[in-house]
Structures are given as structure tokens and as C-alpha cells.
Amino acid sequence: MDVIFRFVGAGALAVGLGACVSNSRGELMEQGIAELKKSSQSQAADITALQKANAEKDAELKKLRAQVDESSKVVMRNSADVVGNVQKLQTDLAAVTGRVDDIDTKLTGLSKSFTDYRAQSDTELEKVVNATTAAKAPPVPETADGVFAEAQKRIDAKNWNDARRLLDAFVNRFPADARAAKAQYLIGDAYLSENKYANAIGAYTKVIDNFPKSEIVPDAMFKNGQAFYALKYCGDARIYFQELLKRYPKTEWKKDANEELKKLQRDLKNKAVCQS
């Protein structure tokens, strides 16, 4: 009996202890679950707050995007207007520039024509004066040597008008003489000495046209370039210098012609120096 009692008592005690342990674990589990629920609720609240804040930010972002889009449209419209205005101004400027260039070209042509006309008039007038004063002027010698020698004396004395009269007589009377080209060239030099550039061009051009095989042609071409340069007809001057170097690559004027071309390159866009 005693044994049985102890066994039964031990079993009852084990059952009781088991029940206590089970109750403690249950309470702990319930407590853990409650804490988990509480934490979950807190996280859910945080998530809700974040979602709300995110929605507000999205709304602000959409608003900003709308503002940026509108601003972009305004800028694009303004840019288009500006571009259109600039293009119109450029077109107008091009038209005005074209008209100005056309006027400049016409004025340059008129100026050159007037200069040529004035040179021819002055030359013809000088011939008339020479003819009317022939009685007072020393007579022209009969021989080629005599005429040329007298002309040289007038050149040395810088009596340009008389020198031209004698040289012109030499060319007209003795066109086949070996010195005829030089006499015509010296007429140009006499004009150049008085800064009568247009007249000088006329005289030098006769050397080039009437005595193309003369060794003095390169000299006439170079002097023509200088005369045109002095008259501000830089385009014509450049043509003469370039043609001189092309026709006579070994000419003694080579260095000088190249120097003139360098100066022309600098001056071509300067209206104060070059009209054409």
C-alpha cells in the first residue's frame, strides 16, 4: 500500500508540475503573440504614415512636373519666337548687306569709269596744250636720237610736260625704233612722278599692248600694279602683280611684287585703302 501510495502521489505531483509548466509556456506564448501583434500594428501604422507621406510627395512631384512642363512649353514657344526673329533679322540683314554691296560695286564702277575718263581727258587736254604752245616750245629734233636725247634732258630737269611731249613725238614718229617701248614707258613714269596715276596706267598699258615682246613690259606691269594700288583699285593691282609673276617668274620685280601682294592681302578688306 505504501508503495502504491508513493507511486500514485508521485504521479499526481508530476501531473501537477506538468500542468504548471504548460500554463507558464502558454502564458509566455500569449505574451509573445501579443507583443508581435503590437509590433505588427506599430509597423502597420508606420507603413501607413510612410504611404501617406509618399502619396503627398508624389502629388508634389506631379505638381512640379506639371509646372516644369508648362515652363518648358513657354520656353520653347519663346525660343521659337526668338529663333524666328533672329532668322528674320538675318534675312533682312543679308538683304540690306546685298544692297549695300551692290551699291558699293556700282559706286566703285562709276568711280573707276570717272577716273579713266578724267585720265583720258587730261591726256588729250595736254596734247591740245602742247599743240597750241608748239610755237613757243623748243622745236622737236628731226632724228630719233635727237628727240630721245632732248626728252631725256627734260626728264633729268623734271620738266614732265615737255618730256611727255617729246616722248610722245618719238613714239609717233619712230614706232619701229628699239627705244619706242622705253619712250612709251617713260611717259608713264612722267605721269607717275606727278601722281597722275590714271594717266600713268594708260601710258603703261600701251607698253603692254603695243610692245608685248619688249623687255620693259614687266616694268610696265609692275608700275601699273602700283598705280592701281594708289587709286585704291586693289583687285586690279593684285591681278597685275600676280600676272607679272606668272608670265615672268624670274623678273627682277619678283621680290617687290610678292611684298605688294602681302600688303594687298592685309588691305583688301580695308575700305579706306581698297575700294575694290
Protein backbone atom coordinates (compact mmCIF):
# COMPACT_ATOMS: atom_id res chain seq x y z
CA MET A 1 0.00 0.00 0.00
CA ASP A 2 2.72 2.35 0.93
CA VAL A 3 4.41 1.65 -2.34
CA ILE A 4 1.22 2.18 -4.24
CA PHE A 5 0.60 5.44 -2.39
CA ARG A 6 4.02 6.75 -3.18
CA PHE A 7 3.57 5.88 -6.83
CA VAL A 8 0.18 7.49 -7.05
CA GLY A 9 1.42 10.51 -5.14
CA ALA A 10 4.40 10.84 -7.43
CA GLY A 11 2.18 10.61 -10.48
CA ALA A 12 -0.14 13.25 -9.14
CA LEU A 13 2.79 15.51 -8.40
CA ALA A 14 4.12 15.01 -11.95
CA VAL A 15 0.77 15.80 -13.42
CA GLY A 16 0.54 18.91 -11.29
CA LEU A 17 4.01 20.07 -12.25
CA GLY A 18 3.24 19.32 -15.92
CA ALA A 19 0.16 21.42 -15.69
CA CYS A 20 2.09 24.30 -14.17
CA VAL A 21 4.77 24.13 -16.83
CA SER A 22 2.17 24.01 -19.57
CA ASN A 23 0.41 27.03 -18.11
CA SER A 24 3.69 29.01 -17.96
CA ARG A 25 4.52 28.21 -21.57
CA GLY A 26 1.05 29.17 -22.69
CA GLU A 27 1.27 32.48 -20.93
CA LEU A 28 4.67 33.15 -22.47
CA MET A 29 3.37 32.30 -25.91
CA GLU A 30 0.34 34.50 -25.46
CA GLN A 31 2.55 37.28 -24.22
CA GLY A 32 4.85 36.84 -27.29
CA ILE A 33 1.92 36.82 -29.62
CA ALA A 34 0.56 39.96 -28.02
CA GLU A 35 3.89 41.67 -28.41
CA LEU A 36 4.12 40.54 -32.01
CA LYS A 37 0.64 41.89 -32.69
CA LYS A 38 1.58 45.15 -31.02
CA SER A 39 4.78 45.38 -33.06
CA SER A 40 2.90 44.48 -36.21
CA GLN A 41 0.32 47.16 -35.54
CA SER A 42 3.09 49.70 -34.92
CA GLN A 43 4.79 48.70 -38.17
CA ALA A 44 1.46 48.87 -39.98
CA ALA A 45 0.96 52.39 -38.61
CA ASP A 46 4.46 53.32 -39.73
CA ILE A 47 3.79 51.86 -43.17
CA THR A 48 0.52 53.81 -43.40
CA ALA A 49 2.31 57.02 -42.42
CA LEU A 50 5.04 56.36 -44.98
CA GLN A 51 2.46 55.60 -47.66
CA LYS A 52 0.68 58.85 -46.83
CA ALA A 53 3.94 60.79 -46.94
CA ASN A 54 4.87 59.09 -50.22
CA ALA A 55 1.48 59.97 -51.71
CA GLU A 56 1.98 63.59 -50.66
CA LYS A 57 5.45 63.60 -52.25
CA ASP A 58 4.00 62.05 -55.42
CA ALA A 59 1.42 64.79 -55.53
CA GLU A 60 4.11 67.45 -55.09
CA LEU A 61 6.25 65.79 -57.74
CA LYS A 62 3.36 65.70 -60.20
CA LYS A 63 2.69 69.35 -59.47
CA LEU A 64 6.33 70.21 -60.03
CA ARG A 65 6.42 68.16 -63.24
CA ALA A 66 3.34 69.97 -64.47
CA GLN A 67 5.00 73.31 -63.70
CA VAL A 68 8.22 72.23 -65.44
CA ASP A 69 6.24 71.04 -68.48
CA GLU A 70 4.40 74.33 -68.65
CA SER A 71 7.62 76.27 -68.22
CA SER A 72 9.26 74.16 -70.92
CA LYS A 73 6.38 74.88 -73.27
CA VAL A 74 6.70 78.60 -72.58
CA VAL A 75 10.45 78.47 -73.11
CA MET A 76 10.02 76.50 -76.33
CA ARG A 77 7.44 78.97 -77.57
CA ASN A 78 9.69 81.88 -76.63
CA SER A 79 12.70 80.14 -78.16
CA ALA A 80 10.77 79.54 -81.35
CA ASP A 81 9.79 83.19 -81.42
CA VAL A 82 13.38 84.26 -80.75
CA VAL A 83 14.72 81.91 -83.43
CA GLY A 84 12.13 83.18 -85.87
CA ASN A 85 13.01 86.77 -85.07
CA VAL A 86 16.73 86.07 -85.38
CA GLN A 87 16.22 84.32 -88.71
CA LYS A 88 14.13 87.23 -89.94
CA LEU A 89 16.78 89.69 -88.81
CA GLN A 90 19.46 87.62 -90.52
CA THR A 91 17.42 87.54 -93.72
CA ASP A 92 16.81 91.28 -93.54
CA LEU A 93 20.49 91.92 -92.78
CA ALA A 94 21.56 89.75 -95.71
CA ALA A 95 19.21 91.66 -97.99
CA VAL A 96 20.49 95.01 -96.74
CA THR A 97 24.11 93.83 -96.99
CA GLY A 98 23.45 92.65 -100.53
CA ARG A 99 22.00 96.03 -101.46
CA VAL A 100 24.93 97.84 -99.83
CA ASP A 101 27.44 95.60 -101.64
CA ASP A 102 25.60 96.23 -104.89
CA ILE A 103 25.69 99.98 -104.30
CA ASP A 104 29.40 99.78 -103.40
CA THR A 105 30.07 97.85 -106.60
CA LYS A 106 28.18 100.39 -108.68
CA LEU A 107 29.92 103.29 -106.95
CA THR A 108 33.30 101.65 -107.46
CA GLY A 109 32.50 101.11 -111.13
CA LEU A 110 31.35 104.70 -111.51
CA SER A 111 34.42 105.97 -109.68
CA LYS A 112 36.72 103.91 -111.86
CA SER A 113 34.93 104.99 -115.02
CA PHE A 114 35.20 108.62 -113.95
CA THR A 115 38.89 108.18 -113.13
CA ASP A 116 39.53 106.61 -116.54
CA TYR A 117 37.54 109.36 -118.25
CA ARG A 118 39.41 112.05 -116.33
CA ALA A 119 42.77 110.48 -117.22
CA GLN A 120 41.87 110.36 -120.92
CA SER A 121 40.58 113.92 -120.79
CA ASP A 122 43.71 115.16 -119.06
CA THR A 123 45.92 113.38 -121.58
CA GLU A 124 44.02 114.77 -124.55
CA LEU A 125 43.98 118.23 -122.98
CA GLU A 126 47.73 118.07 -122.52
CA LYS A 127 48.16 117.19 -126.19
CA VAL A 128 46.00 120.12 -127.18
CA VAL A 129 48.00 122.45 -124.94
CA ASN A 130 51.23 121.08 -126.39
CA ALA A 131 49.95 121.68 -129.92
CA THR A 132 48.85 125.25 -129.18
CA THR A 133 52.15 126.07 -127.47
CA ALA A 134 54.31 124.31 -130.05
CA ALA A 135 55.40 127.65 -131.47
CA LYS A 136 56.73 128.74 -128.10
CA ALA A 137 58.25 125.36 -127.19
CA PRO A 138 61.63 124.27 -128.48
CA PRO A 139 61.28 122.52 -131.85
CA VAL A 140 61.31 118.75 -131.95
CA PRO A 141 64.55 117.44 -133.46
CA GLU A 142 64.33 115.63 -136.77
CA THR A 143 66.24 112.48 -135.86
CA ALA A 144 65.26 109.71 -133.43
CA ASP A 145 68.48 110.18 -131.46
CA GLY A 146 67.87 113.92 -131.22
CA VAL A 147 64.27 113.54 -129.98
CA PHE A 148 65.18 110.90 -127.42
CA ALA A 149 68.13 112.92 -126.14
CA GLU A 150 66.02 116.07 -125.75
CA ALA A 151 63.32 114.08 -123.94
CA GLN A 152 65.94 112.69 -121.54
CA LYS A 153 67.14 116.23 -120.78
CA ARG A 154 63.59 117.26 -119.86
CA ILE A 155 63.24 114.18 -117.62
CA ASP A 156 66.50 115.00 -115.83
CA ALA A 157 65.25 118.55 -115.31
CA LYS A 158 61.87 117.18 -114.09
CA ASN A 159 60.15 119.16 -116.79
CA TRP A 160 57.49 116.46 -117.08
CA ASN A 161 55.13 118.17 -119.51
CA ASP A 162 57.86 118.91 -122.06
CA ALA A 163 59.34 115.44 -121.54
CA ARG A 164 56.00 113.80 -122.35
CA ARG A 165 55.59 115.99 -125.43
CA LEU A 166 58.96 114.87 -126.81
CA LEU A 167 58.46 111.22 -125.85
CA ASP A 168 55.03 111.15 -127.44
CA ALA A 169 56.55 112.62 -130.62
CA PHE A 170 59.23 109.93 -130.56
CA VAL A 171 56.68 107.09 -130.30
CA ASN A 172 54.52 108.53 -133.08
CA ARG A 173 57.41 109.27 -135.45
CA PHE A 174 59.58 106.24 -134.77
CA PRO A 175 57.30 103.34 -133.66
CA ALA A 176 59.71 100.74 -135.07
CA ASP A 177 62.70 102.12 -133.17
CA ALA A 178 64.06 99.80 -130.46
CA ARG A 179 63.58 102.63 -127.95
CA ALA A 180 59.89 103.22 -128.74
CA ALA A 181 58.72 100.91 -125.94
CA LYS A 182 61.00 102.65 -123.46
CA ALA A 183 59.81 106.06 -124.63
CA GLN A 184 56.20 104.99 -124.03
CA TYR A 185 57.22 103.61 -120.62
CA LEU A 186 58.92 106.91 -119.71
CA ILE A 187 55.68 108.73 -120.50
CA GLY A 188 54.08 106.61 -117.77
CA ASP A 189 56.94 107.42 -115.39
CA ALA A 190 56.50 111.13 -116.06
CA TYR A 191 52.81 110.89 -115.12
CA LEU A 192 53.65 108.77 -112.07
CA SER A 193 56.13 111.41 -110.91
CA GLU A 194 53.23 113.88 -110.73
CA ASN A 195 50.92 111.33 -109.04
CA LYS A 196 48.71 111.25 -112.12
CA TYR A 197 48.06 107.56 -111.59
CA ALA A 198 45.23 107.05 -114.05
CA ASN A 199 47.22 108.73 -116.84
CA ALA A 200 50.22 106.60 -115.91
CA ILE A 201 48.10 103.45 -116.20
CA GLY A 202 47.04 104.49 -119.70
CA ALA A 203 50.67 105.00 -120.74
CA TYR A 204 51.97 101.74 -119.20
CA THR A 205 49.08 99.78 -120.73
CA LYS A 206 50.17 100.98 -124.18
CA VAL A 207 53.61 99.49 -123.50
CA ILE A 208 52.00 96.12 -122.66
CA ASP A 209 49.57 96.19 -125.60
CA ASN A 210 51.71 97.79 -128.33
CA PHE A 211 55.11 96.34 -127.43
CA PRO A 212 54.30 92.89 -125.97
CA LYS A 213 57.77 91.46 -126.74
CA SER A 214 59.71 94.32 -125.20
CA GLU A 215 61.91 93.57 -122.21
CA ILE A 216 60.39 96.58 -120.47
CA VAL A 217 56.90 95.02 -120.31
CA PRO A 218 57.49 93.53 -116.79
CA ASP A 219 58.42 97.03 -115.57
CA ALA A 220 55.20 98.44 -117.03
CA MET A 221 53.15 95.68 -115.41
CA PHE A 222 54.68 96.32 -112.01
CA LYS A 223 54.16 100.09 -112.29
CA ASN A 224 50.55 99.51 -113.38
CA GLY A 225 50.02 97.44 -110.22
CA GLN A 226 51.43 100.27 -108.11
CA ALA A 227 49.27 102.86 -109.86
CA PHE A 228 46.09 100.82 -109.38
CA TYR A 229 47.03 100.30 -105.72
CA ALA A 230 47.46 104.07 -105.30
CA LEU A 231 43.98 104.59 -106.80
CA LYS A 232 42.58 102.03 -104.27
CA TYR A 233 41.68 99.56 -107.03
CA CYS A 234 43.33 96.73 -105.10
CA GLY A 235 41.72 93.93 -107.10
CA ASP A 236 43.22 95.25 -110.34
CA ALA A 237 46.56 95.82 -108.63
CA ARG A 238 46.65 92.23 -107.40
CA ILE A 239 45.88 90.92 -110.90
CA TYR A 240 48.83 92.85 -112.34
CA PHE A 241 51.26 91.63 -109.67
CA GLN A 242 50.06 88.02 -109.98
CA GLU A 243 50.18 88.12 -113.78
CA LEU A 244 53.67 89.61 -113.65
CA LEU A 245 54.93 86.71 -111.50
CA LYS A 246 53.12 84.20 -113.69
CA ARG A 247 54.48 85.50 -117.00
CA TYR A 248 57.93 86.44 -115.77
CA PRO A 249 58.83 84.18 -112.82
CA LYS A 250 62.48 85.34 -112.95
CA THR A 251 61.72 89.05 -113.18
CA GLU A 252 63.80 91.45 -111.12
CA TRP A 253 60.48 92.70 -109.69
CA LYS A 254 59.73 89.30 -108.11
CA LYS A 255 60.59 90.28 -104.53
CA ASP A 256 58.81 93.64 -104.80
CA ALA A 257 55.71 92.07 -106.39
CA ASN A 258 55.48 89.49 -103.59
CA GLU A 259 55.78 92.25 -100.99
CA GLU A 260 53.00 94.21 -102.69
CA LEU A 261 50.77 91.11 -102.72
CA LYS A 262 51.34 90.63 -98.98
CA LYS A 263 50.31 94.24 -98.33
CA LEU A 264 47.27 93.83 -100.58
CA GLN A 265 46.20 90.73 -98.68
CA ARG A 266 46.13 92.82 -95.49
CA ASP A 267 44.42 95.81 -97.10
CA LEU A 268 41.75 94.17 -99.27
CA LYS A 269 39.07 94.40 -96.56
CA ASN A 270 40.03 97.92 -95.53
CA LYS A 271 37.70 100.30 -97.36
CA ALA A 272 39.96 103.22 -96.51
CA VAL A 273 42.72 101.62 -98.58
CA CYS A 274 40.86 99.44 -101.08
CA GLN A 275 37.66 100.36 -102.90
CA SER A 276 37.67 97.20 -104.95
